Protein backbone atom coordinates (compact mmCIF):
# COMPACT_ATOMS: atom_id res chain seq x y z
CA MET A 1 -0.14 0.26 -0.22
CA MET A 2 1.32 3.24 -1.05
CA GLY A 3 0.73 6.98 -0.89
CA GLY A 4 -2.15 8.12 2.00
CA MET A 5 -1.97 9.69 5.49
CA ASP A 6 -1.44 6.45 7.28
CA ALA A 7 1.32 5.20 4.45
CA LEU A 8 4.94 5.19 6.20
CA PRO A 9 7.27 6.97 4.28
CA LEU A 10 9.94 5.11 1.97
CA THR A 11 13.72 6.16 2.25
CA ASP A 12 16.65 4.50 1.32
CA ARG A 13 17.03 3.06 4.38
CA THR A 14 13.62 1.44 4.40
CA LYS A 15 13.53 0.24 1.30
CA ILE A 16 13.23 -3.46 1.23
CA THR A 17 15.02 -4.89 -2.02
CA ARG A 18 14.98 -8.60 -1.05
CA LEU A 19 11.54 -9.53 -1.98
CA PRO A 20 10.19 -6.49 -1.95
CA TYR A 21 6.44 -7.09 -2.49
CA ARG A 22 6.48 -8.39 1.20
CA GLN A 23 6.72 -4.66 2.01
CA VAL A 24 3.89 -3.44 3.94
CA HIS A 25 3.29 0.43 3.78
CA ASP A 26 0.51 0.54 5.81
CA ARG A 27 1.06 2.33 9.42
CA ARG A 28 -1.92 0.56 11.21
CA VAL A 29 -0.02 -2.64 10.36
CA LEU A 30 3.12 -1.24 11.67
CA HIS A 31 1.35 -0.33 14.93
CA GLU A 32 -0.49 -3.85 14.96
CA ILE A 33 3.05 -5.32 14.86
CA LEU A 34 4.49 -3.54 17.88
CA ASP A 35 1.01 -3.91 19.87
CA ALA A 36 1.06 -7.61 19.71
CA GLY A 37 4.98 -8.11 20.50
CA LEU A 38 6.52 -7.51 23.92
CA ILE A 39 10.35 -7.88 22.95
CA ALA A 40 12.42 -5.93 20.88
CA HIS A 41 15.99 -6.42 19.75
CA VAL A 42 17.99 -2.98 19.72
CA GLY A 43 21.44 -2.55 18.19
CA VAL A 44 23.87 -0.15 18.25
CA VAL A 45 27.09 0.14 16.77
CA ARG A 46 29.98 0.43 19.48
CA ASP A 47 33.53 0.41 18.72
CA GLY A 48 32.54 -0.43 14.79
CA VAL A 49 30.71 -3.60 15.89
CA PRO A 50 26.95 -3.86 16.13
CA VAL A 51 25.78 -4.52 19.66
CA ILE A 52 22.22 -6.38 19.58
CA LEU A 53 19.94 -6.66 23.09
CA PRO A 54 16.43 -7.61 23.64
CA VAL A 55 14.88 -5.11 25.71
CA GLY A 56 11.02 -4.80 26.88
CA TYR A 57 8.78 -1.96 25.17
CA ALA A 58 5.61 -0.36 24.59
CA ARG A 59 4.29 1.86 21.64
CA ASP A 60 2.98 5.34 22.62
CA GLY A 61 0.91 6.85 19.56
CA ASP A 62 3.73 7.32 17.11
CA SER A 63 7.00 6.42 19.00
CA LEU A 64 8.12 3.49 20.92
CA LEU A 65 9.30 3.30 24.87
CA LEU A 66 12.34 1.59 25.55
CA HIS A 67 13.36 1.08 29.45
CA GLY A 68 16.27 -0.91 31.26
CA SER A 69 19.06 -0.25 33.78
CA THR A 70 21.13 3.24 34.13
CA GLY A 71 23.67 1.00 33.90
CA GLY A 72 23.20 -0.44 30.96
CA GLY A 73 26.13 0.42 28.40
CA LEU A 74 23.94 0.39 25.19
CA LEU A 75 20.96 2.33 26.26
CA ARG A 76 23.20 4.80 27.77
CA GLN A 77 24.93 5.10 24.14
CA ALA A 78 20.87 5.67 22.77
CA ALA A 79 20.44 8.29 25.21
CA ALA A 80 23.57 10.02 24.33
CA GLY A 81 22.29 10.24 20.67
CA GLU A 82 23.59 7.31 19.06
CA PRO A 83 21.33 5.83 16.17
CA VAL A 84 19.39 2.97 16.76
CA THR A 85 17.79 0.00 15.08
CA VAL A 86 14.68 -1.64 16.79
CA THR A 87 13.23 -5.04 15.72
CA VAL A 88 10.33 -6.52 16.58
CA THR A 89 9.28 -10.19 14.82
CA LEU A 90 6.52 -12.49 15.26
CA LEU A 91 7.25 -15.74 14.28
CA ASP A 92 3.39 -17.15 13.00
CA GLY A 93 4.72 -20.28 11.43
CA LEU A 94 7.24 -22.63 9.85
CA VAL A 95 6.67 -23.18 5.72
CA TYR A 96 7.14 -26.87 5.14
CA ALA A 97 7.63 -27.05 1.10
CA ARG A 98 8.77 -29.99 -0.81
CA SER A 99 12.23 -29.07 -0.51
CA LEU A 100 14.54 -27.73 1.86
CA PHE A 101 15.14 -24.63 -0.37
CA ASP A 102 11.65 -23.53 -0.71
CA SER A 103 10.32 -24.08 2.88
CA SER A 104 10.56 -20.73 4.98
CA MET A 105 8.73 -19.10 7.84
CA ASN A 106 5.72 -17.03 8.17
CA TYR A 107 6.36 -13.82 10.17
CA ARG A 108 5.21 -10.31 10.98
CA CYS A 109 8.60 -7.83 10.99
CA ALA A 110 9.04 -4.08 12.15
CA MET A 111 12.05 -2.33 11.87
CA VAL A 112 12.55 1.74 13.79
CA ILE A 113 15.21 3.44 13.12
CA GLY A 114 15.80 6.70 14.55
CA THR A 115 17.83 8.47 17.27
CA ALA A 116 15.99 7.99 20.92
CA THR A 117 16.01 11.07 23.67
CA PRO A 118 15.62 10.32 27.22
CA VAL A 119 12.37 10.81 29.18
CA THR A 120 12.38 12.50 32.39
CA GLY A 121 10.41 14.25 34.57
CA PRO A 122 6.86 13.21 35.49
CA ASP A 123 6.63 11.82 31.69
CA LYS A 124 8.89 8.96 33.37
CA LEU A 125 6.56 7.70 35.54
CA ALA A 126 4.07 7.91 33.27
CA ALA A 127 5.89 6.24 30.40
CA LEU A 128 6.74 3.91 32.85
CA ARG A 129 3.15 2.97 33.46
CA LEU A 130 2.14 2.50 29.99
CA LEU A 131 5.13 -0.10 29.60
CA SER A 132 3.89 -2.10 32.58
CA ASP A 133 -0.06 -1.82 30.96
CA HIS A 134 1.51 -3.24 27.87
CA LEU A 135 3.84 -6.31 29.27
CA MET A 136 1.61 -6.97 32.21
CA PRO A 137 -2.01 -4.86 31.96
CA GLY A 138 -3.51 -4.31 35.05
CA ARG A 139 -0.39 -4.53 37.17
CA TRP A 140 0.48 -1.25 38.09
CA ALA A 141 -2.93 -0.91 40.22
CA GLU A 142 -1.46 -4.14 42.57
CA VAL A 143 1.54 -3.32 43.49
CA ARG A 144 3.31 -0.16 44.95
CA GLU A 145 4.60 2.34 42.76
CA PRO A 146 8.37 2.76 41.89
CA THR A 147 10.55 4.57 44.66
CA LYS A 148 12.85 7.20 43.64
CA ARG A 149 16.06 5.10 43.93
CA GLU A 150 14.27 2.28 41.41
CA LEU A 151 13.31 5.40 39.01
CA ALA A 152 16.69 6.89 39.53
CA ALA A 153 18.22 3.29 38.84
CA THR A 154 15.89 3.51 35.41
CA LEU A 155 16.56 4.77 31.86
CA VAL A 156 13.47 5.39 29.70
CA LEU A 157 14.02 6.52 25.84
CA ARG A 158 11.44 7.44 23.08
CA VAL A 159 11.88 6.23 19.62
CA PRO A 160 9.91 7.87 17.00
CA LEU A 161 8.37 5.89 14.20
CA ALA A 162 9.12 7.99 11.61
CA GLU A 163 11.48 5.80 9.59
CA ALA A 164 10.32 2.18 9.76
CA SER A 165 9.56 -0.45 7.93
CA VAL A 166 7.37 -3.56 7.86
CA LYS A 167 7.84 -6.77 5.90
CA LEU A 168 5.62 -10.09 6.35
CA ARG A 169 4.92 -13.73 5.10
CA ALA A 170 1.45 -14.94 5.29
CA THR A 171 1.00 -17.90 2.72
CA GLY A 172 1.70 -21.40 2.13
CA ALA A 173 4.65 -23.28 0.10
CA GLU A 174 5.73 -21.43 -2.62
CA GLY A 175 6.66 -23.36 -5.68
CA GLU A 176 5.93 -24.06 -9.62
CA PRO A 177 2.94 -26.39 -10.60
CA ASP A 178 5.20 -27.92 -12.88
CA ASP A 179 8.00 -28.32 -10.67
CA GLY A 180 8.19 -32.30 -10.80
CA GLU A 181 8.31 -32.57 -6.90
CA SER A 182 5.62 -35.69 -6.18
CA ARG A 183 2.45 -34.24 -4.33
CA ASP A 184 2.81 -37.42 -2.38
CA VAL A 185 4.93 -35.36 -0.02
CA TRP A 186 3.36 -33.32 2.52
CA ALA A 187 3.83 -29.53 2.10
CA GLY A 188 2.18 -26.94 4.22
CA VAL A 189 1.89 -24.51 7.33
CA LEU A 190 2.58 -25.28 11.23
CA PRO A 191 1.30 -22.33 12.82
CA LEU A 192 3.10 -21.06 15.61
CA ARG A 193 2.16 -19.00 18.96
CA THR A 194 3.09 -17.72 22.59
CA VAL A 195 1.03 -19.63 24.44
CA ALA A 196 1.03 -18.86 28.79
CA GLY A 197 1.15 -21.73 30.69
CA ALA A 198 -0.37 -21.65 34.33
CA PRO A 199 0.99 -19.53 36.96
CA GLU A 200 3.70 -20.67 39.33
CA PRO A 201 4.01 -18.98 42.30
CA ASP A 202 7.01 -17.75 44.26
CA PRO A 203 7.75 -20.34 47.36
CA ASP A 204 7.17 -17.28 49.99
CA VAL A 205 3.60 -16.88 48.79
CA PRO A 206 1.08 -17.91 51.32
CA ILE A 207 -1.59 -20.74 50.51
CA GLY A 208 -5.06 -19.23 49.68
CA VAL A 209 -3.36 -16.00 48.09
CA ARG A 210 -5.34 -15.79 44.59
CA VAL A 211 -3.76 -15.27 41.16
CA PRO A 212 -4.22 -11.59 40.73
CA ASP A 213 -6.24 -10.51 37.99
CA SER A 214 -3.24 -9.05 36.05
CA VAL A 215 -1.98 -12.37 35.95
CA ASP A 216 -5.27 -13.75 34.44
CA ARG A 217 -5.68 -11.11 32.35
CA ALA A 218 -2.33 -11.99 30.54
CA ARG A 219 -3.10 -15.57 30.81
CA LYS A 220 -6.07 -15.17 28.75
CA ARG A 221 -4.40 -12.89 26.39
CA ARG A 222 -1.55 -15.36 25.49
CA LEU A 223 -4.42 -18.10 25.19
CA GLY A 224 -6.61 -16.65 22.80
CA GLY A 225 -9.33 -15.84 25.71
């Protein structure tokens, strides 16, 4: 999809050259992928070497919020103005073709390129609440708020979604009708999804303390209920 108010701008860095027909230009799809994921892989270049780490995140309108320890070198480097690349990938299935060469994966992938800015002051607490609501919906209301020491030890960064690309695959096995391969060999898709298991309380939780609503809500979301 090209053009329109909700189209992602195309730049030299976001233009997909490998299988470009799989690129999606709809900003709404970008938002859907980011809202469905929980972990982003954030990359910077340090001393000439790419460094990539998994980071919890949340979308806030047309920006991403990243958080981690103030002691983490990668986020400190990003906070200092180094360009970052943020990738979120959702694996939807393994595609079994009649040859390993043609076998593939179904996926939805979003890549964001930009410069992060630190979130400070009152906005920092609001950002942490938004992050909490994305990762553990409803948990903020069940526990105490962060202390001043905890806030000081936590770094929150905002990355705009101004330069981003989306690529996806959502089809079965690809091949030619006259490829000569036997149709007695099974081909198709094995769907994959993340599913929550039963909650496991810590050993020091007294018997009779029920599982909180936030855990039950997150479990039902991952069960599709």
